[in-house]
């Protein structure tokens, strides 16, 4: 009962924190993906990779 009330009262705050955490997690993960792409993809493949990223952003 108390736990449910606490969760409901802090739902908005928790959602905001989750979005911030996701953003903080996604940035380094994307950097790692980019580093792997540079290591393994050819020139044409890199163009396609980064073109696709630009459309996502």
PDB file of N, CA and C in Angstrom:
ATOM      1  N   UNK A   1       0.825  -1.189   0.000  1.00  0.00           N
ATOM      2  CA  UNK A   1       0.000   0.000   0.000  1.00  0.00           C
ATOM      3  C   UNK A   1       0.872   1.257   0.000  1.00  0.00           C
ATOM      4  N   UNK A   2       1.799   1.361   0.950  1.00  0.00           N
ATOM      5  CA  UNK A   2       2.675   2.531   0.999  1.00  0.00           C
ATOM      6  C   UNK A   2       3.549   2.569  -0.248  1.00  0.00           C
ATOM      7  N   UNK A   3       4.027   1.386  -0.635  1.00  0.00           N
ATOM      8  CA  UNK A   3       4.883   1.286  -1.818  1.00  0.00           C
ATOM      9  C   UNK A   3       4.141   1.747  -3.071  1.00  0.00           C
ATOM     10  N   UNK A   4       2.885   1.349  -3.201  1.00  0.00           N
ATOM     11  CA  UNK A   4       2.079   1.760  -4.350  1.00  0.00           C
ATOM     12  C   UNK A   4       1.883   3.271  -4.370  1.00  0.00           C
ATOM     13  N   UNK A   5       1.604   3.848  -3.224  1.00  0.00           N
ATOM     14  CA  UNK A   5       1.420   5.298  -3.130  1.00  0.00           C
ATOM     15  C   UNK A   5       2.702   6.031  -3.492  1.00  0.00           C
ATOM     16  N   UNK A   6       3.828   5.530  -2.983  1.00  0.00           N
ATOM     17  CA  UNK A   6       5.123   6.135  -3.286  1.00  0.00           C
ATOM     18  C   UNK A   6       5.402   6.070  -4.785  1.00  0.00           C
ATOM     19  N   UNK A   7       5.182   4.892  -5.372  1.00  0.00           N
ATOM     20  CA  UNK A   7       5.428   4.731  -6.808  1.00  0.00           C
ATOM     21  C   UNK A   7       4.551   5.658  -7.636  1.00  0.00           C
ATOM     22  N   UNK A   8       3.303   5.779  -7.267  1.00  0.00           N
ATOM     23  CA  UNK A   8       2.386   6.650  -8.000  1.00  0.00           C
ATOM     24  C   UNK A   8       2.797   8.114  -7.858  1.00  0.00           C
ATOM     25  N   UNK A   9       3.182   8.508  -6.669  1.00  0.00           N
ATOM     26  CA  UNK A   9       3.577   9.894  -6.425  1.00  0.00           C
ATOM     27  C   UNK A   9       4.854  10.258  -7.175  1.00  0.00           C
ATOM     28  N   UNK A  10       5.709   9.286  -7.402  1.00  0.00           N
ATOM     29  CA  UNK A  10       7.003   9.547  -8.033  1.00  0.00           C
ATOM     30  C   UNK A  10       7.101   9.016  -9.463  1.00  0.00           C
ATOM     31  N   UNK A  11       5.973   8.665 -10.032  1.00  0.00           N
ATOM     32  CA  UNK A  11       5.951   8.087 -11.374  1.00  0.00           C
ATOM     33  C   UNK A  11       6.571   9.033 -12.406  1.00  0.00           C
ATOM     34  N   UNK A  12       6.185  10.285 -12.376  1.00  0.00           N
ATOM     35  CA  UNK A  12       6.689  11.264 -13.339  1.00  0.00           C
ATOM     36  C   UNK A  12       8.206  11.438 -13.202  1.00  0.00           C
ATOM     37  N   UNK A  13       8.675  11.551 -11.964  1.00  0.00           N
ATOM     38  CA  UNK A  13      10.110  11.684 -11.708  1.00  0.00           C
ATOM     39  C   UNK A  13      10.872  10.458 -12.218  1.00  0.00           C
ATOM     40  N   UNK A  14      10.332   9.280 -11.952  1.00  0.00           N
ATOM     41  CA  UNK A  14      10.993   8.047 -12.371  1.00  0.00           C
ATOM     42  C   UNK A  14      11.050   7.929 -13.895  1.00  0.00           C
ATOM     43  N   UNK A  15       9.987   8.336 -14.576  1.00  0.00           N
ATOM     44  CA  UNK A  15       9.985   8.308 -16.039  1.00  0.00           C
ATOM     45  C   UNK A  15      11.039   9.257 -16.600  1.00  0.00           C
ATOM     46  N   UNK A  16      11.155  10.436 -15.996  1.00  0.00           N
ATOM     47  CA  UNK A  16      12.166  11.400 -16.430  1.00  0.00           C
ATOM     48  C   UNK A  16      13.565  10.831 -16.220  1.00  0.00           C
ATOM     49  N   UNK A  17      13.800  10.222 -15.077  1.00  0.00           N
ATOM     50  CA  UNK A  17      15.105   9.611 -14.799  1.00  0.00           C
ATOM     51  C   UNK A  17      15.413   8.487 -15.782  1.00  0.00           C
ATOM     52  N   UNK A  18      14.411   7.703 -16.110  1.00  0.00           N
ATOM     53  CA  UNK A  18      14.608   6.597 -17.049  1.00  0.00           C
ATOM     54  C   UNK A  18      15.001   7.122 -18.429  1.00  0.00           C
ATOM     55  N   UNK A  19      14.354   8.192 -18.882  1.00  0.00           N
ATOM     56  CA  UNK A  19      14.707   8.791 -20.175  1.00  0.00           C
ATOM     57  C   UNK A  19      16.130   9.326 -20.155  1.00  0.00           C
ATOM     58  N   UNK A  20      16.519   9.991 -19.069  1.00  0.00           N
ATOM     59  CA  UNK A  20      17.883  10.514 -18.945  1.00  0.00           C
ATOM     60  C   UNK A  20      18.901   9.380 -18.929  1.00  0.00           C
ATOM     61  N   UNK A  21      18.598   8.319 -18.196  1.00  0.00           N
ATOM     62  CA  UNK A  21      19.490   7.165 -18.137  1.00  0.00           C
ATOM     63  C   UNK A  21      19.641   6.545 -19.519  1.00  0.00           C
ATOM     64  N   UNK A  22      18.531   6.406 -20.233  1.00  0.00           N
ATOM     65  CA  UNK A  22      18.575   5.807 -21.566  1.00  0.00           C
ATOM     66  C   UNK A  22      19.447   6.634 -22.500  1.00  0.00           C
ATOM     67  N   UNK A  23      19.329   7.955 -22.428  1.00  0.00           N
ATOM     68  CA  UNK A  23      20.145   8.835 -23.256  1.00  0.00           C
ATOM     69  C   UNK A  23      21.624   8.675 -22.906  1.00  0.00           C
ATOM     70  N   UNK A  24      21.927   8.628 -21.612  1.00  0.00           N
ATOM     71  CA  UNK A  24      23.315   8.461 -21.162  1.00  0.00           C
ATOM     72  C   UNK A  24      23.873   7.104 -21.582  1.00  0.00           C
ATOM     73  N   UNK A  25      23.044   6.108 -21.649  1.00  0.00           N
ATOM     74  CA  UNK A  25      23.468   4.772 -22.054  1.00  0.00           C
ATOM     75  C   UNK A  25      23.637   4.704 -23.571  1.00  0.00           C
ATOM     76  N   UNK A  26      22.734   5.301 -24.317  1.00  0.00           N
ATOM     77  CA  UNK A  26      22.754   5.217 -25.776  1.00  0.00           C
ATOM     78  C   UNK A  26      23.968   5.903 -26.391  1.00  0.00           C
ATOM     79  N   UNK A  27      24.410   7.026 -25.841  1.00  0.00           N
ATOM     80  CA  UNK A  27      25.542   7.751 -26.424  1.00  0.00           C
ATOM     81  C   UNK A  27      26.820   6.924 -26.456  1.00  0.00           C
ATOM     82  N   UNK A  28      27.274   6.345 -25.340  1.00  0.00           N
ATOM     83  CA  UNK A  28      28.494   5.529 -25.414  1.00  0.00           C
ATOM     84  C   UNK A  28      28.302   4.265 -26.243  1.00  0.00           C
ATOM     85  N   UNK A  29      27.102   3.708 -26.209  1.00  0.00           N
ATOM     86  CA  UNK A  29      26.835   2.517 -27.006  1.00  0.00           C
ATOM     87  C   UNK A  29      26.952   2.838 -28.493  1.00  0.00           C
ATOM     88  N   UNK A  30      26.429   3.986 -28.908  1.00  0.00           N
ATOM     89  CA  UNK A  30      26.530   4.392 -30.306  1.00  0.00           C
ATOM     90  C   UNK A  30      27.978   4.654 -30.683  1.00  0.00           C
ATOM     91  N   UNK A  31      28.747   5.246 -29.794  1.00  0.00           N
ATOM     92  CA  UNK A  31      30.170   5.477 -30.058  1.00  0.00           C
ATOM     93  C   UNK A  31      30.902   4.160 -30.270  1.00  0.00           C
ATOM     94  N   UNK A  32      30.568   3.170 -29.463  1.00  0.00           N
ATOM     95  CA  UNK A  32      31.175   1.838 -29.614  1.00  0.00           C
ATOM     96  C   UNK A  32      30.785   1.225 -30.959  1.00  0.00           C
ATOM     97  N   UNK A  33      29.526   1.355 -31.338  1.00  0.00           N
ATOM     98  CA  UNK A  33      29.078   0.843 -32.637  1.00  0.00           C
ATOM     99  C   UNK A  33      29.812   1.536 -33.778  1.00  0.00           C
ATOM    100  N   UNK A  34      30.003   2.836 -33.663  1.00  0.00           N
ATOM    101  CA  UNK A  34      30.722   3.584 -34.696  1.00  0.00           C
ATOM    102  C   UNK A  34      32.166   3.113 -34.802  1.00  0.00           C
ATOM    103  N   UNK A  35      32.815   2.872 -33.670  1.00  0.00           N
ATOM    104  CA  UNK A  35      34.200   2.403 -33.676  1.00  0.00           C
ATOM    105  C   UNK A  35      34.302   1.040 -34.353  1.00  0.00           C
ATOM    106  N   UNK A  36      33.354   0.170 -34.075  1.00  0.00           N
ATOM    107  CA  UNK A  36      33.337  -1.148 -34.713  1.00  0.00           C
ATOM    108  C   UNK A  36      33.109  -0.995 -36.209  1.00  0.00           C
ATOM    109  N   UNK A  37      32.225  -0.089 -36.597  1.00  0.00           N
ATOM    110  CA  UNK A  37      31.967   0.143 -38.020  1.00  0.00           C
ATOM    111  C   UNK A  37      33.237   0.598 -38.726  1.00  0.00           C
ATOM    112  N   UNK A  38      33.968   1.531 -38.139  1.00  0.00           N
ATOM    113  CA  UNK A  38      35.216   1.993 -38.747  1.00  0.00           C
ATOM    114  C   UNK A  38      36.214   0.853 -38.906  1.00  0.00           C
ATOM    115  N   UNK A  39      36.199  -0.058 -37.967  1.00  0.00           N
ATOM    116  CA  UNK A  39      37.165  -1.152 -37.980  1.00  0.00           C
ATOM    117  C   UNK A  39      36.831  -2.206 -39.035  1.00  0.00           C
ATOM    118  N   UNK A  40      35.553  -2.471 -39.258  1.00  0.00           N
ATOM    119  CA  UNK A  40      35.173  -3.617 -40.076  1.00  0.00           C
ATOM    120  C   UNK A  40      34.537  -3.292 -41.421  1.00  0.00           C
ATOM    121  N   UNK A  41      34.036  -2.091 -41.625  1.00  0.00           N
ATOM    122  CA  UNK A  41      33.321  -1.792 -42.865  1.00  0.00           C
ATOM    123  C   UNK A  41      34.228  -1.126 -43.887  1.00  0.00           C
ATOM    124  N   UNK A  42      33.906  -1.370 -45.168  1.00  0.00           N
ATOM    125  CA  UNK A  42      34.636  -0.721 -46.258  1.00  0.00           C
ATOM    126  C   UNK A  42      34.104   0.702 -46.433  1.00  0.00           C
ATOM    127  N   UNK A  43      34.709   1.451 -47.343  1.00  0.00           N
ATOM    128  CA  UNK A  43      34.311   2.838 -47.578  1.00  0.00           C
ATOM    129  C   UNK A  43      32.842   2.990 -47.931  1.00  0.00           C
ATOM    130  N   UNK A  44      32.371   2.197 -48.905  1.00  0.00           N
ATOM    131  CA  UNK A  44      30.968   2.288 -49.318  1.00  0.00           C
ATOM    132  C   UNK A  44      30.027   1.867 -48.191  1.00  0.00           C
ATOM    133  N   UNK A  45      30.426   0.846 -47.456  1.00  0.00           N
ATOM    134  CA  UNK A  45      29.599   0.394 -46.341  1.00  0.00           C
ATOM    135  C   UNK A  45      29.532   1.453 -45.242  1.00  0.00           C
ATOM    136  N   UNK A  46      30.646   2.148 -45.028  1.00  0.00           N
ATOM    137  CA  UNK A  46      30.652   3.224 -44.032  1.00  0.00           C
ATOM    138  C   UNK A  46      29.712   4.353 -44.433  1.00  0.00           C
ATOM    139  N   UNK A  47      29.714   4.686 -45.716  1.00  0.00           N
ATOM    140  CA  UNK A  47      28.805   5.735 -46.201  1.00  0.00           C
ATOM    141  C   UNK A  47      27.367   5.341 -45.901  1.00  0.00           C
ATOM    142  N   UNK A  48      27.012   4.098 -46.205  1.00  0.00           N
ATOM    143  CA  UNK A  48      25.645   3.634 -45.950  1.00  0.00           C
ATOM    144  C   UNK A  48      25.335   3.603 -44.450  1.00  0.00           C
ATOM    145  N   UNK A  49      26.308   3.170 -43.669  1.00  0.00           N
ATOM    146  CA  UNK A  49      26.120   3.105 -42.212  1.00  0.00           C
ATOM    147  C   UNK A  49      25.816   4.487 -41.641  1.00  0.00           C
ATOM    148  N   UNK A  50      26.640   5.460 -41.992  1.00  0.00           N
ATOM    149  CA  UNK A  50      26.444   6.789 -41.424  1.00  0.00           C
ATOM    150  C   UNK A  50      25.263   7.514 -42.058  1.00  0.00           C
ATOM    151  N   UNK A  51      24.931   7.186 -43.286  1.00  0.00           N
ATOM    152  CA  UNK A  51      23.728   7.758 -43.901  1.00  0.00           C
ATOM    153  C   UNK A  51      22.502   7.286 -43.122  1.00  0.00           C
ATOM    154  N   UNK A  52      22.482   6.019 -42.760  1.00  0.00           N
ATOM    155  CA  UNK A  52      21.377   5.470 -41.974  1.00  0.00           C
ATOM    156  C   UNK A  52      21.283   6.105 -40.603  1.00  0.00           C
ATOM    157  N   UNK A  53      22.423   6.375 -39.988  1.00  0.00           N
ATOM    158  CA  UNK A  53      22.443   7.030 -38.667  1.00  0.00           C
ATOM    159  C   UNK A  53      21.900   8.434 -38.760  1.00  0.00           C
ATOM    160  N   UNK A  54      22.238   9.134 -39.830  1.00  0.00           N
ATOM    161  CA  UNK A  54      21.780  10.516 -39.984  1.00  0.00           C
ATOM    162  C   UNK A  54      20.253  10.558 -40.061  1.00  0.00           C
ATOM    163  N   UNK A  55      19.658   9.571 -40.735  1.00  0.00           N
ATOM    164  CA  UNK A  55      18.202   9.522 -40.848  1.00  0.00           C
ATOM    165  C   UNK A  55      17.548   9.243 -39.502  1.00  0.00           C
ATOM    166  N   UNK A  56      18.227   8.479 -38.627  1.00  0.00           N
ATOM    167  CA  UNK A  56      17.680   8.157 -37.312  1.00  0.00           C
ATOM    168  C   UNK A  56      17.681   9.357 -36.388  1.00  0.00           C
ATOM    169  N   UNK A  57      18.696  10.214 -36.520  1.00  0.00           N
ATOM    170  CA  UNK A  57      18.856  11.358 -35.618  1.00  0.00           C
ATOM    171  C   UNK A  57      17.883  12.400 -35.964  1.00  0.00           C
TER     172      UNK A  57
END
